[in-house]
Every structure is written in C-alpha cells, then in structure tokens.
Amino acid sequence: MESIVKQSLLYDFYGELLTEHQRTVYEDVVFNDMSLGEIAQEQEISRQGVHDLIKRCDKILMGYEEKLHLISKFQETRVMVSRIQELTREFKETQNMDLIENIEQISSDIIEL
C-alpha cells in the first residue's frame, strides 16, 4: 500500500512530465489497479514490457523528486500548517501572545521553503 501512495504522489507532482504512453500505463497500474497482464493485453505489448515501463517511470519520477524536492517541501509545509492550526487553537483559549510569535516564525519558515 505504501508503494501505491508514493507512486500516486510522484505522479500527482510530476506525471505531466511523462510521455502520453507512459502516463496511460502508469495510471492503469497506480490508479486503475490493473494487472500487468491486463495492461499488456490492452496496450498490445508484453507483460515484461509493462513491468519495465513501470520501473522506468518510477525511476524518472524519483529523479525529478531528487532534483526538485517538491513532494518533500509539500509534506514539510503540511506539517508546519498543522502546527500553526494547533497554535491558533491554543491562542484562542489562552490569549498568550508568545504563541503569535511562534505562528509568525513558522509562517516565515514556510515562505522560505
């Protein structure tokens, strides 16, 4: 399951950089849960060809992430926004102005990403 989530994120961020054929096959595996045999029959290529294409797509997409870090930045931002939400709830309860400083710092950190 974790592999599918990772592949989905990679595709969401970088899928448009694949060729149309690569996108079609990758979508069938990741989103449509089709077997390699089903895709091979549909695309009129060998099962091994589908397997190799998926591996190549995974490598291409991971290469983009290693260079651009968009997914890791997105995940970091989500954590920071969650922390801002926690601090905001706490501020509403306590009116502690130190929390506002923390929120401002986290906000600045997000902008720096």
PDB file of N, CA and C in Angstrom:
ATOM      1  N   MET A   1       0.825  -1.208   0.000  1.00  0.00           N
ATOM      2  CA  MET A   1       0.000   0.000   0.000  1.00  0.00           C
ATOM      3  C   MET A   1       0.860   1.259   0.000  1.00  0.00           C
ATOM      4  N   GLU A   2       1.897   1.265   0.797  1.00  0.00           N
ATOM      5  CA  GLU A   2       2.764   2.442   0.880  1.00  0.00           C
ATOM      6  C   GLU A   2       3.360   2.778  -0.482  1.00  0.00           C
ATOM      7  N   SER A   3       3.679   1.761  -1.265  1.00  0.00           N
ATOM      8  CA  SER A   3       4.244   1.983  -2.593  1.00  0.00           C
ATOM      9  C   SER A   3       3.247   2.705  -3.495  1.00  0.00           C
ATOM     10  N   ILE A   4       1.988   2.331  -3.417  1.00  0.00           N
ATOM     11  CA  ILE A   4       0.963   2.972  -4.238  1.00  0.00           C
ATOM     12  C   ILE A   4       0.815   4.443  -3.843  1.00  0.00           C
ATOM     13  N   VAL A   5       0.851   4.734  -2.551  1.00  0.00           N
ATOM     14  CA  VAL A   5       0.747   6.125  -2.089  1.00  0.00           C
ATOM     15  C   VAL A   5       1.923   6.933  -2.621  1.00  0.00           C
ATOM     16  N   LYS A   6       3.112   6.360  -2.528  1.00  0.00           N
ATOM     17  CA  LYS A   6       4.311   7.043  -3.029  1.00  0.00           C
ATOM     18  C   LYS A   6       4.206   7.272  -4.537  1.00  0.00           C
ATOM     19  N   GLN A   7       3.772   6.248  -5.260  1.00  0.00           N
ATOM     20  CA  GLN A   7       3.627   6.386  -6.704  1.00  0.00           C
ATOM     21  C   GLN A   7       2.567   7.435  -7.043  1.00  0.00           C
ATOM     22  N   SER A   8       1.502   7.474  -6.274  1.00  0.00           N
ATOM     23  CA  SER A   8       0.441   8.457  -6.513  1.00  0.00           C
ATOM     24  C   SER A   8       0.959   9.877  -6.323  1.00  0.00           C
ATOM     25  N   LEU A   9       1.710  10.091  -5.243  1.00  0.00           N
ATOM     26  CA  LEU A   9       2.278  11.418  -5.008  1.00  0.00           C
ATOM     27  C   LEU A   9       3.246  11.815  -6.119  1.00  0.00           C
ATOM     28  N   LEU A  10       4.113  10.884  -6.488  1.00  0.00           N
ATOM     29  CA  LEU A  10       5.062  11.177  -7.563  1.00  0.00           C
ATOM     30  C   LEU A  10       4.326  11.538  -8.844  1.00  0.00           C
ATOM     31  N   TYR A  11       3.275  10.772  -9.137  1.00  0.00           N
ATOM     32  CA  TYR A  11       2.518  11.042 -10.354  1.00  0.00           C
ATOM     33  C   TYR A  11       1.794  12.388 -10.269  1.00  0.00           C
ATOM     34  N   ASP A  12       1.202  12.674  -9.115  1.00  0.00           N
ATOM     35  CA  ASP A  12       0.492  13.945  -8.951  1.00  0.00           C
ATOM     36  C   ASP A  12       1.405  15.142  -9.197  1.00  0.00           C
ATOM     37  N   PHE A  13       2.628  15.039  -8.725  1.00  0.00           N
ATOM     38  CA  PHE A  13       3.553  16.170  -8.853  1.00  0.00           C
ATOM     39  C   PHE A  13       4.279  16.207 -10.197  1.00  0.00           C
ATOM     40  N   TYR A  14       4.614  15.050 -10.740  1.00  0.00           N
ATOM     41  CA  TYR A  14       5.488  15.019 -11.915  1.00  0.00           C
ATOM     42  C   TYR A  14       4.931  14.248 -13.106  1.00  0.00           C
ATOM     43  N   GLY A  15       3.742  13.718 -12.997  1.00  0.00           N
ATOM     44  CA  GLY A  15       3.187  12.870 -14.053  1.00  0.00           C
ATOM     45  C   GLY A  15       3.101  13.533 -15.415  1.00  0.00           C
ATOM     46  N   GLU A  16       2.837  14.814 -15.422  1.00  0.00           N
ATOM     47  CA  GLU A  16       2.719  15.520 -16.706  1.00  0.00           C
ATOM     48  C   GLU A  16       4.037  15.551 -17.476  1.00  0.00           C
ATOM     49  N   LEU A  17       5.124  15.218 -16.815  1.00  0.00           N
ATOM     50  CA  LEU A  17       6.425  15.215 -17.481  1.00  0.00           C
ATOM     51  C   LEU A  17       6.709  13.887 -18.191  1.00  0.00           C
ATOM     52  N   LEU A  18       5.827  12.913 -17.986  1.00  0.00           N
ATOM     53  CA  LEU A  18       5.950  11.638 -18.696  1.00  0.00           C
ATOM     54  C   LEU A  18       5.312  11.759 -20.078  1.00  0.00           C
ATOM     55  N   THR A  19       5.675  10.831 -20.975  1.00  0.00           N
ATOM     56  CA  THR A  19       5.018  10.804 -22.284  1.00  0.00           C
ATOM     57  C   THR A  19       3.582  10.329 -22.103  1.00  0.00           C
ATOM     58  N   GLU A  20       2.769  10.548 -23.100  1.00  0.00           N
ATOM     59  CA  GLU A  20       1.362  10.127 -23.025  1.00  0.00           C
ATOM     60  C   GLU A  20       1.252   8.624 -22.808  1.00  0.00           C
ATOM     61  N   HIS A  21       2.065   7.850 -23.519  1.00  0.00           N
ATOM     62  CA  HIS A  21       2.052   6.388 -23.360  1.00  0.00           C
ATOM     63  C   HIS A  21       2.458   5.991 -21.937  1.00  0.00           C
ATOM     64  N   GLN A  22       3.508   6.606 -21.417  1.00  0.00           N
ATOM     65  CA  GLN A  22       3.947   6.315 -20.055  1.00  0.00           C
ATOM     66  C   GLN A  22       2.845   6.663 -19.048  1.00  0.00           C
ATOM     67  N   ARG A  23       2.213   7.803 -19.232  1.00  0.00           N
ATOM     68  CA  ARG A  23       1.128   8.217 -18.321  1.00  0.00           C
ATOM     69  C   ARG A  23      -0.020   7.217 -18.351  1.00  0.00           C
ATOM     70  N   THR A  24      -0.410   6.793 -19.537  1.00  0.00           N
ATOM     71  CA  THR A  24      -1.526   5.853 -19.669  1.00  0.00           C
ATOM     72  C   THR A  24      -1.241   4.560 -18.918  1.00  0.00           C
ATOM     73  N   VAL A  25      -0.080   3.997 -19.141  1.00  0.00           N
ATOM     74  CA  VAL A  25       0.279   2.730 -18.493  1.00  0.00           C
ATOM     75  C   VAL A  25       0.426   2.930 -16.984  1.00  0.00           C
ATOM     76  N   TYR A  26       1.079   3.988 -16.587  1.00  0.00           N
ATOM     77  CA  TYR A  26       1.294   4.252 -15.160  1.00  0.00           C
ATOM     78  C   TYR A  26      -0.037   4.463 -14.444  1.00  0.00           C
ATOM     79  N   GLU A  27      -0.943   5.196 -15.061  1.00  0.00           N
ATOM     80  CA  GLU A  27      -2.268   5.409 -14.473  1.00  0.00           C
ATOM     81  C   GLU A  27      -3.020   4.092 -14.316  1.00  0.00           C
ATOM     82  N   ASP A  28      -2.892   3.211 -15.327  1.00  0.00           N
ATOM     83  CA  ASP A  28      -3.572   1.916 -15.241  1.00  0.00           C
ATOM     84  C   ASP A  28      -3.076   1.095 -14.059  1.00  0.00           C
ATOM     85  N   VAL A  29      -1.789   1.161 -13.784  1.00  0.00           N
ATOM     86  CA  VAL A  29      -1.228   0.412 -12.657  1.00  0.00           C
ATOM     87  C   VAL A  29      -1.584   1.059 -11.332  1.00  0.00           C
ATOM     88  N   VAL A  30      -1.333   2.349 -11.219  1.00  0.00           N
ATOM     89  CA  VAL A  30      -1.449   3.042  -9.939  1.00  0.00           C
ATOM     90  C   VAL A  30      -2.891   3.382  -9.583  1.00  0.00           C
ATOM     91  N   PHE A  31      -3.644   3.914 -10.530  1.00  0.00           N
ATOM     92  CA  PHE A  31      -4.982   4.413 -10.215  1.00  0.00           C
ATOM     93  C   PHE A  31      -6.107   3.435 -10.572  1.00  0.00           C
ATOM     94  N   ASN A  32      -5.905   2.656 -11.623  1.00  0.00           N
ATOM     95  CA  ASN A  32      -6.959   1.748 -12.066  1.00  0.00           C
ATOM     96  C   ASN A  32      -6.766   0.325 -11.567  1.00  0.00           C
ATOM     97  N   ASP A  33      -5.667   0.088 -10.840  1.00  0.00           N
ATOM     98  CA  ASP A  33      -5.383  -1.209 -10.217  1.00  0.00           C
ATOM     99  C   ASP A  33      -5.451  -2.370 -11.211  1.00  0.00           C
ATOM    100  N   MET A  34      -4.972  -2.119 -12.410  1.00  0.00           N
ATOM    101  CA  MET A  34      -4.959  -3.174 -13.426  1.00  0.00           C
ATOM    102  C   MET A  34      -3.693  -4.009 -13.283  1.00  0.00           C
ATOM    103  N   SER A  35      -3.799  -5.266 -13.631  1.00  0.00           N
ATOM    104  CA  SER A  35      -2.632  -6.147 -13.572  1.00  0.00           C
ATOM    105  C   SER A  35      -1.730  -5.884 -14.772  1.00  0.00           C
ATOM    106  N   LEU A  36      -0.495  -6.339 -14.658  1.00  0.00           N
ATOM    107  CA  LEU A  36       0.441  -6.178 -15.774  1.00  0.00           C
ATOM    108  C   LEU A  36      -0.076  -6.900 -17.007  1.00  0.00           C
ATOM    109  N   GLY A  37      -0.681  -8.072 -16.805  1.00  0.00           N
ATOM    110  CA  GLY A  37      -1.234  -8.836 -17.919  1.00  0.00           C
ATOM    111  C   GLY A  37      -2.372  -8.106 -18.611  1.00  0.00           C
ATOM    112  N   GLU A  38      -3.247  -7.484 -17.832  1.00  0.00           N
ATOM    113  CA  GLU A  38      -4.366  -6.728 -18.413  1.00  0.00           C
ATOM    114  C   GLU A  38      -3.856  -5.545 -19.230  1.00  0.00           C
ATOM    115  N   ILE A  39      -2.879  -4.861 -18.683  1.00  0.00           N
ATOM    116  CA  ILE A  39      -2.324  -3.703 -19.391  1.00  0.00           C
ATOM    117  C   ILE A  39      -1.595  -4.157 -20.651  1.00  0.00           C
ATOM    118  N   ALA A  40      -0.847  -5.239 -20.533  1.00  0.00           N
ATOM    119  CA  ALA A  40      -0.115  -5.771 -21.690  1.00  0.00           C
ATOM    120  C   ALA A  40      -1.074  -6.104 -22.827  1.00  0.00           C
ATOM    121  N   GLN A  41      -2.177  -6.730 -22.483  1.00  0.00           N
ATOM    122  CA  GLN A  41      -3.170  -7.080 -23.499  1.00  0.00           C
ATOM    123  C   GLN A  41      -3.780  -5.820 -24.107  1.00  0.00           C
ATOM    124  N   GLU A  42      -4.133  -4.871 -23.271  1.00  0.00           N
ATOM    125  CA  GLU A  42      -4.752  -3.638 -23.747  1.00  0.00           C
ATOM    126  C   GLU A  42      -3.805  -2.819 -24.623  1.00  0.00           C
ATOM    127  N   GLN A  43      -2.539  -2.760 -24.226  1.00  0.00           N
ATOM    128  CA  GLN A  43      -1.544  -1.946 -24.951  1.00  0.00           C
ATOM    129  C   GLN A  43      -0.847  -2.714 -26.067  1.00  0.00           C
ATOM    130  N   GLU A  44      -1.144  -4.022 -26.141  1.00  0.00           N
ATOM    131  CA  GLU A  44      -0.527  -4.905 -27.136  1.00  0.00           C
ATOM    132  C   GLU A  44       0.996  -4.904 -27.036  1.00  0.00           C
ATOM    133  N   ILE A  45       1.461  -5.024 -25.797  1.00  0.00           N
ATOM    134  CA  ILE A  45       2.884  -5.198 -25.527  1.00  0.00           C
ATOM    135  C   ILE A  45       3.027  -6.356 -24.549  1.00  0.00           C
ATOM    136  N   SER A  46       4.247  -6.795 -24.317  1.00  0.00           N
ATOM    137  CA  SER A  46       4.445  -7.928 -23.414  1.00  0.00           C
ATOM    138  C   SER A  46       4.270  -7.503 -21.960  1.00  0.00           C
ATOM    139  N   ARG A  47       3.998  -8.489 -21.127  1.00  0.00           N
ATOM    140  CA  ARG A  47       3.885  -8.240 -19.689  1.00  0.00           C
ATOM    141  C   ARG A  47       5.196  -7.684 -19.157  1.00  0.00           C
ATOM    142  N   GLN A  48       6.310  -8.241 -19.658  1.00  0.00           N
ATOM    143  CA  GLN A  48       7.637  -7.766 -19.260  1.00  0.00           C
ATOM    144  C   GLN A  48       7.839  -6.323 -19.696  1.00  0.00           C
ATOM    145  N   GLY A  49       7.317  -5.966 -20.864  1.00  0.00           N
ATOM    146  CA  GLY A  49       7.415  -4.596 -21.346  1.00  0.00           C
ATOM    147  C   GLY A  49       6.687  -3.622 -20.427  1.00  0.00           C
ATOM    148  N   VAL A  50       5.524  -4.041 -19.936  1.00  0.00           N
ATOM    149  CA  VAL A  50       4.770  -3.211 -18.994  1.00  0.00           C
ATOM    150  C   VAL A  50       5.561  -3.057 -17.708  1.00  0.00           C
ATOM    151  N   HIS A  51       6.087  -4.175 -17.214  1.00  0.00           N
ATOM    152  CA  HIS A  51       6.876  -4.152 -15.974  1.00  0.00           C
ATOM    153  C   HIS A  51       8.061  -3.200 -16.109  1.00  0.00           C
ATOM    154  N   ASP A  52       8.777  -3.318 -17.209  1.00  0.00           N
ATOM    155  CA  ASP A  52       9.945  -2.458 -17.439  1.00  0.00           C
ATOM    156  C   ASP A  52       9.546  -0.989 -17.549  1.00  0.00           C
ATOM    157  N   LEU A  53       8.416  -0.726 -18.201  1.00  0.00           N
ATOM    158  CA  LEU A  53       7.945   0.649 -18.355  1.00  0.00           C
ATOM    159  C   LEU A  53       7.593   1.267 -17.003  1.00  0.00           C
ATOM    160  N   ILE A  54       6.946   0.499 -16.138  1.00  0.00           N
ATOM    161  CA  ILE A  54       6.596   0.995 -14.801  1.00  0.00           C
ATOM    162  C   ILE A  54       7.855   1.292 -14.004  1.00  0.00           C
ATOM    163  N   LYS A  55       8.816   0.392 -14.050  1.00  0.00           N
ATOM    164  CA  LYS A  55      10.082   0.614 -13.337  1.00  0.00           C
ATOM    165  C   LYS A  55      10.789   1.863 -13.868  1.00  0.00           C
ATOM    166  N   ARG A  56      10.773   2.025 -15.181  1.00  0.00           N
ATOM    167  CA  ARG A  56      11.420   3.200 -15.789  1.00  0.00           C
ATOM    168  C   ARG A  56      10.690   4.489 -15.369  1.00  0.00           C
ATOM    169  N   CYS A  57       9.371   4.446 -15.351  1.00  0.00           N
ATOM    170  CA  CYS A  57       8.588   5.618 -14.914  1.00  0.00           C
ATOM    171  C   CYS A  57       8.887   5.946 -13.456  1.00  0.00           C
ATOM    172  N   ASP A  58       8.931   4.914 -12.602  1.00  0.00           N
ATOM    173  CA  ASP A  58       9.257   5.135 -11.191  1.00  0.00           C
ATOM    174  C   ASP A  58      10.620   5.826 -11.069  1.00  0.00           C
ATOM    175  N   LYS A  59      11.575   5.350 -11.836  1.00  0.00           N
ATOM    176  CA  LYS A  59      12.923   5.921 -11.783  1.00  0.00           C
ATOM    177  C   LYS A  59      12.921   7.375 -12.277  1.00  0.00           C
ATOM    178  N   ILE A  60      12.198   7.649 -13.349  1.00  0.00           N
ATOM    179  CA  ILE A  60      12.109   9.005 -13.884  1.00  0.00           C
ATOM    180  C   ILE A  60      11.478   9.939 -12.859  1.00  0.00           C
ATOM    181  N   LEU A  61      10.341   9.505 -12.287  1.00  0.00           N
ATOM    182  CA  LEU A  61       9.621  10.346 -11.331  1.00  0.00           C
ATOM    183  C   LEU A  61      10.452  10.575 -10.066  1.00  0.00           C
ATOM    184  N   MET A  62      11.133   9.548  -9.592  1.00  0.00           N
ATOM    185  CA  MET A  62      12.004   9.704  -8.417  1.00  0.00           C
ATOM    186  C   MET A  62      13.158  10.653  -8.730  1.00  0.00           C
ATOM    187  N   GLY A  63      13.647  10.595  -9.951  1.00  0.00           N
ATOM    188  CA  GLY A  63      14.720  11.510 -10.365  1.00  0.00           C
ATOM    189  C   GLY A  63      14.277  12.962 -10.286  1.00  0.00           C
ATOM    190  N   TYR A  64      13.050  13.218 -10.708  1.00  0.00           N
ATOM    191  CA  TYR A  64      12.517  14.580 -10.600  1.00  0.00           C
ATOM    192  C   TYR A  64      12.424  15.008  -9.136  1.00  0.00           C
ATOM    193  N   GLU A  65      11.949  14.112  -8.289  1.00  0.00           N
ATOM    194  CA  GLU A  65      11.829  14.460  -6.862  1.00  0.00           C
ATOM    195  C   GLU A  65      13.202  14.708  -6.238  1.00  0.00           C
ATOM    196  N   GLU A  66      14.192  13.909  -6.614  1.00  0.00           N
ATOM    197  CA  GLU A  66      15.537  14.107  -6.078  1.00  0.00           C
ATOM    198  C   GLU A  66      16.116  15.463  -6.476  1.00  0.00           C
ATOM    199  N   LYS A  67      15.729  15.940  -7.650  1.00  0.00           N
ATOM    200  CA  LYS A  67      16.234  17.235  -8.117  1.00  0.00           C
ATOM    201  C   LYS A  67      15.406  18.416  -7.605  1.00  0.00           C
ATOM    202  N   LEU A  68      14.087  18.258  -7.583  1.00  0.00           N
ATOM    203  CA  LEU A  68      13.204  19.390  -7.297  1.00  0.00           C
ATOM    204  C   LEU A  68      12.653  19.417  -5.860  1.00  0.00           C
ATOM    205  N   HIS A  69      12.545  18.285  -5.232  1.00  0.00           N
ATOM    206  CA  HIS A  69      12.081  18.164  -3.840  1.00  0.00           C
ATOM    207  C   HIS A  69      10.682  18.740  -3.603  1.00  0.00           C
ATOM    208  N   LEU A  70       9.837  18.724  -4.600  1.00  0.00           N
ATOM    209  CA  LEU A  70       8.502  19.303  -4.444  1.00  0.00           C
ATOM    210  C   LEU A  70       7.650  18.536  -3.431  1.00  0.00           C
ATOM    211  N   ILE A  71       7.740  17.214  -3.440  1.00  0.00           N
ATOM    212  CA  ILE A  71       6.936  16.416  -2.515  1.00  0.00           C
ATOM    213  C   ILE A  71       7.411  16.621  -1.087  1.00  0.00           C
ATOM    214  N   SER A  72       8.711  16.604  -0.874  1.00  0.00           N
ATOM    215  CA  SER A  72       9.208  16.792   0.496  1.00  0.00           C
ATOM    216  C   SER A  72       8.868  18.187   1.007  1.00  0.00           C
ATOM    217  N   LYS A  73       8.938  19.193   0.149  1.00  0.00           N
ATOM    218  CA  LYS A  73       8.553  20.560   0.558  1.00  0.00           C
ATOM    219  C   LYS A  73       7.066  20.617   0.871  1.00  0.00           C
ATOM    220  N   PHE A  74       6.253  19.961   0.067  1.00  0.00           N
ATOM    221  CA  PHE A  74       4.815  19.913   0.300  1.00  0.00           C
ATOM    222  C   PHE A  74       4.516  19.270   1.651  1.00  0.00           C
ATOM    223  N   GLN A  75       5.184  18.163   1.929  1.00  0.00           N
ATOM    224  CA  GLN A  75       4.948  17.467   3.194  1.00  0.00           C
ATOM    225  C   GLN A  75       5.412  18.297   4.386  1.00  0.00           C
ATOM    226  N   GLU A  76       6.551  18.968   4.258  1.00  0.00           N
ATOM    227  CA  GLU A  76       7.025  19.859   5.323  1.00  0.00           C
ATOM    228  C   GLU A  76       6.030  20.986   5.566  1.00  0.00           C
ATOM    229  N   THR A  77       5.524  21.547   4.495  1.00  0.00           N
ATOM    230  CA  THR A  77       4.556  22.648   4.608  1.00  0.00           C
ATOM    231  C   THR A  77       3.291  22.180   5.317  1.00  0.00           C
ATOM    232  N   ARG A  78       2.830  20.987   4.996  1.00  0.00           N
ATOM    233  CA  ARG A  78       1.628  20.456   5.654  1.00  0.00           C
ATOM    234  C   ARG A  78       1.841  20.327   7.157  1.00  0.00           C
ATOM    235  N   VAL A  79       3.012  19.855   7.561  1.00  0.00           N
ATOM    236  CA  VAL A  79       3.324  19.726   8.990  1.00  0.00           C
ATOM    237  C   VAL A  79       3.321  21.100   9.651  1.00  0.00           C
ATOM    238  N   MET A  80       3.936  22.075   8.990  1.00  0.00           N
ATOM    239  CA  MET A  80       4.001  23.423   9.569  1.00  0.00           C
ATOM    240  C   MET A  80       2.622  24.064   9.653  1.00  0.00           C
ATOM    241  N   VAL A  81       1.805  23.887   8.650  1.00  0.00           N
ATOM    242  CA  VAL A  81       0.452  24.449   8.685  1.00  0.00           C
ATOM    243  C   VAL A  81      -0.357  23.797   9.796  1.00  0.00           C
ATOM    244  N   SER A  82      -0.176  22.515   9.975  1.00  0.00           N
ATOM    245  CA  SER A  82      -0.851  21.820  11.073  1.00  0.00           C
ATOM    246  C   SER A  82      -0.433  22.403  12.419  1.00  0.00           C
ATOM    247  N   ARG A  83       0.841  22.702  12.550  1.00  0.00           N
ATOM    248  CA  ARG A  83       1.342  23.309  13.787  1.00  0.00           C
ATOM    249  C   ARG A  83       0.745  24.709  13.982  1.00  0.00           C
ATOM    250  N   ILE A  84       0.629  25.469  12.916  1.00  0.00           N
ATOM    251  CA  ILE A  84       0.001  26.793  13.006  1.00  0.00           C
ATOM    252  C   ILE A  84      -1.440  26.653  13.481  1.00  0.00           C
ATOM    253  N   GLN A  85      -2.150  25.676  12.967  1.00  0.00           N
ATOM    254  CA  GLN A  85      -3.534  25.463  13.391  1.00  0.00           C
ATOM    255  C   GLN A  85      -3.613  25.123  14.882  1.00  0.00           C
ATOM    256  N   GLU A  86      -2.697  24.288  15.352  1.00  0.00           N
ATOM    257  CA  GLU A  86      -2.659  23.949  16.784  1.00  0.00           C
ATOM    258  C   GLU A  86      -2.398  25.192  17.629  1.00  0.00           C
ATOM    259  N   LEU A  87      -1.399  25.971  17.223  1.00  0.00           N
ATOM    260  CA  LEU A  87      -1.058  27.184  17.971  1.00  0.00           C
ATOM    261  C   LEU A  87      -2.209  28.190  17.957  1.00  0.00           C
ATOM    262  N   THR A  88      -2.914  28.279  16.845  1.00  0.00           N
ATOM    263  CA  THR A  88      -4.051  29.195  16.749  1.00  0.00           C
ATOM    264  C   THR A  88      -5.154  28.781  17.711  1.00  0.00           C
ATOM    265  N   ARG A  89      -5.450  27.475  17.751  1.00  0.00           N
ATOM    266  CA  ARG A  89      -6.465  26.990  18.709  1.00  0.00           C
ATOM    267  C   ARG A  89      -6.047  27.291  20.145  1.00  0.00           C
ATOM    268  N   GLU A  90      -4.764  27.062  20.426  1.00  0.00           N
ATOM    269  CA  GLU A  90      -4.254  27.324  21.773  1.00  0.00           C
ATOM    270  C   GLU A  90      -4.335  28.818  22.104  1.00  0.00           C
ATOM    271  N   PHE A  91      -4.004  29.659  21.127  1.00  0.00           N
ATOM    272  CA  PHE A  91      -4.088  31.099  21.354  1.00  0.00           C
ATOM    273  C   PHE A  91      -5.524  31.527  21.673  1.00  0.00           C
ATOM    274  N   LYS A  92      -6.484  30.985  20.959  1.00  0.00           N
ATOM    275  CA  LYS A  92      -7.884  31.333  21.208  1.00  0.00           C
ATOM    276  C   LYS A  92      -8.296  31.005  22.647  1.00  0.00           C
ATOM    277  N   GLU A  93      -7.706  29.949  23.187  1.00  0.00           N
ATOM    278  CA  GLU A  93      -8.041  29.539  24.551  1.00  0.00           C
ATOM    279  C   GLU A  93      -7.292  30.355  25.600  1.00  0.00           C
ATOM    280  N   THR A  94      -6.030  30.718  25.304  1.00  0.00           N
ATOM    281  CA  THR A  94      -5.175  31.321  26.336  1.00  0.00           C
ATOM    282  C   THR A  94      -4.872  32.796  26.134  1.00  0.00           C
ATOM    283  N   GLN A  95      -5.007  33.274  24.900  1.00  0.00           N
ATOM    284  CA  GLN A  95      -4.626  34.654  24.552  1.00  0.00           C
ATOM    285  C   GLN A  95      -3.144  34.931  24.837  1.00  0.00           C
ATOM    286  N   ASN A  96      -2.339  33.895  24.827  1.00  0.00           N
ATOM    287  CA  ASN A  96      -0.901  34.002  25.061  1.00  0.00           C
ATOM    288  C   ASN A  96      -0.231  34.560  23.799  1.00  0.00           C
ATOM    289  N   MET A  97       0.285  35.784  23.895  1.00  0.00           N
ATOM    290  CA  MET A  97       0.883  36.459  22.748  1.00  0.00           C
ATOM    291  C   MET A  97       2.173  35.792  22.255  1.00  0.00           C
ATOM    292  N   ASP A  98       2.828  35.011  23.118  1.00  0.00           N
ATOM    293  CA  ASP A  98       4.025  34.286  22.675  1.00  0.00           C
ATOM    294  C   ASP A  98       3.689  33.313  21.544  1.00  0.00           C
ATOM    295  N   LEU A  99       2.472  32.819  21.557  1.00  0.00           N
ATOM    296  CA  LEU A  99       2.044  31.893  20.506  1.00  0.00           C
ATOM    297  C   LEU A  99       2.006  32.581  19.144  1.00  0.00           C
ATOM    298  N   ILE A 100       1.647  33.850  19.139  1.00  0.00           N
ATOM    299  CA  ILE A 100       1.613  34.613  17.882  1.00  0.00           C
ATOM    300  C   ILE A 100       3.023  34.705  17.297  1.00  0.00           C
ATOM    301  N   GLU A 101       4.001  34.890  18.146  1.00  0.00           N
ATOM    302  CA  GLU A 101       5.390  34.925  17.670  1.00  0.00           C
ATOM    303  C   GLU A 101       5.774  33.587  17.037  1.00  0.00           C
ATOM    304  N   ASN A 102       5.355  32.500  17.667  1.00  0.00           N
ATOM    305  CA  ASN A 102       5.628  31.167  17.104  1.00  0.00           C
ATOM    306  C   ASN A 102       4.961  31.010  15.737  1.00  0.00           C
ATOM    307  N   ILE A 103       3.729  31.463  15.645  1.00  0.00           N
ATOM    308  CA  ILE A 103       2.996  31.380  14.376  1.00  0.00           C
ATOM    309  C   ILE A 103       3.702  32.207  13.309  1.00  0.00           C
ATOM    310  N   GLU A 104       4.137  33.391  13.664  1.00  0.00           N
ATOM    311  CA  GLU A 104       4.851  34.237  12.711  1.00  0.00           C
ATOM    312  C   GLU A 104       6.147  33.577  12.247  1.00  0.00           C
ATOM    313  N   GLN A 105       6.854  32.928  13.169  1.00  0.00           N
ATOM    314  CA  GLN A 105       8.099  32.256  12.795  1.00  0.00           C
ATOM    315  C   GLN A 105       7.846  31.090  11.837  1.00  0.00           C
ATOM    316  N   ILE A 106       6.833  30.306  12.148  1.00  0.00           N
ATOM    317  CA  ILE A 106       6.501  29.171  11.266  1.00  0.00           C
ATOM    318  C   ILE A 106       6.079  29.677   9.898  1.00  0.00           C
ATOM    319  N   SER A 107       5.289  30.735   9.882  1.00  0.00           N
ATOM    320  CA  SER A 107       4.859  31.336   8.612  1.00  0.00           C
ATOM    321  C   SER A 107       6.065  31.777   7.788  1.00  0.00           C
ATOM    322  N   SER A 108       7.025  32.400   8.442  1.00  0.00           N
ATOM    323  CA  SER A 108       8.256  32.817   7.756  1.00  0.00           C
ATOM    324  C   SER A 108       9.020  31.620   7.213  1.00  0.00           C
ATOM    325  N   ASP A 109       9.072  30.548   8.005  1.00  0.00           N
ATOM    326  CA  ASP A 109       9.751  29.325   7.561  1.00  0.00           C
ATOM    327  C   ASP A 109       9.096  28.744   6.315  1.00  0.00           C
ATOM    328  N   ILE A 110       7.761  28.806   6.263  1.00  0.00           N
ATOM    329  CA  ILE A 110       7.042  28.301   5.093  1.00  0.00           C
ATOM    330  C   ILE A 110       7.408  29.123   3.869  1.00  0.00           C
ATOM    331  N   ILE A 111       7.456  30.425   4.022  1.00  0.00           N
ATOM    332  CA  ILE A 111       7.793  31.298   2.900  1.00  0.00           C
ATOM    333  C   ILE A 111       9.204  30.999   2.398  1.00  0.00           C
ATOM    334  N   GLU A 112      10.113  30.643   3.311  1.00  0.00           N
ATOM    335  CA  GLU A 112      11.498  30.334   2.940  1.00  0.00           C
ATOM    336  C   GLU A 112      11.630  29.028   2.173  1.00  0.00           C
ATOM    337  N   LEU A 113      10.672  28.118   2.337  1.00  0.00           N
ATOM    338  CA  LEU A 113      10.747  26.839   1.613  1.00  0.00           C
ATOM    339  C   LEU A 113      10.708  27.149   0.146  1.00  0.00           C
TER     340      LEU A 113
END
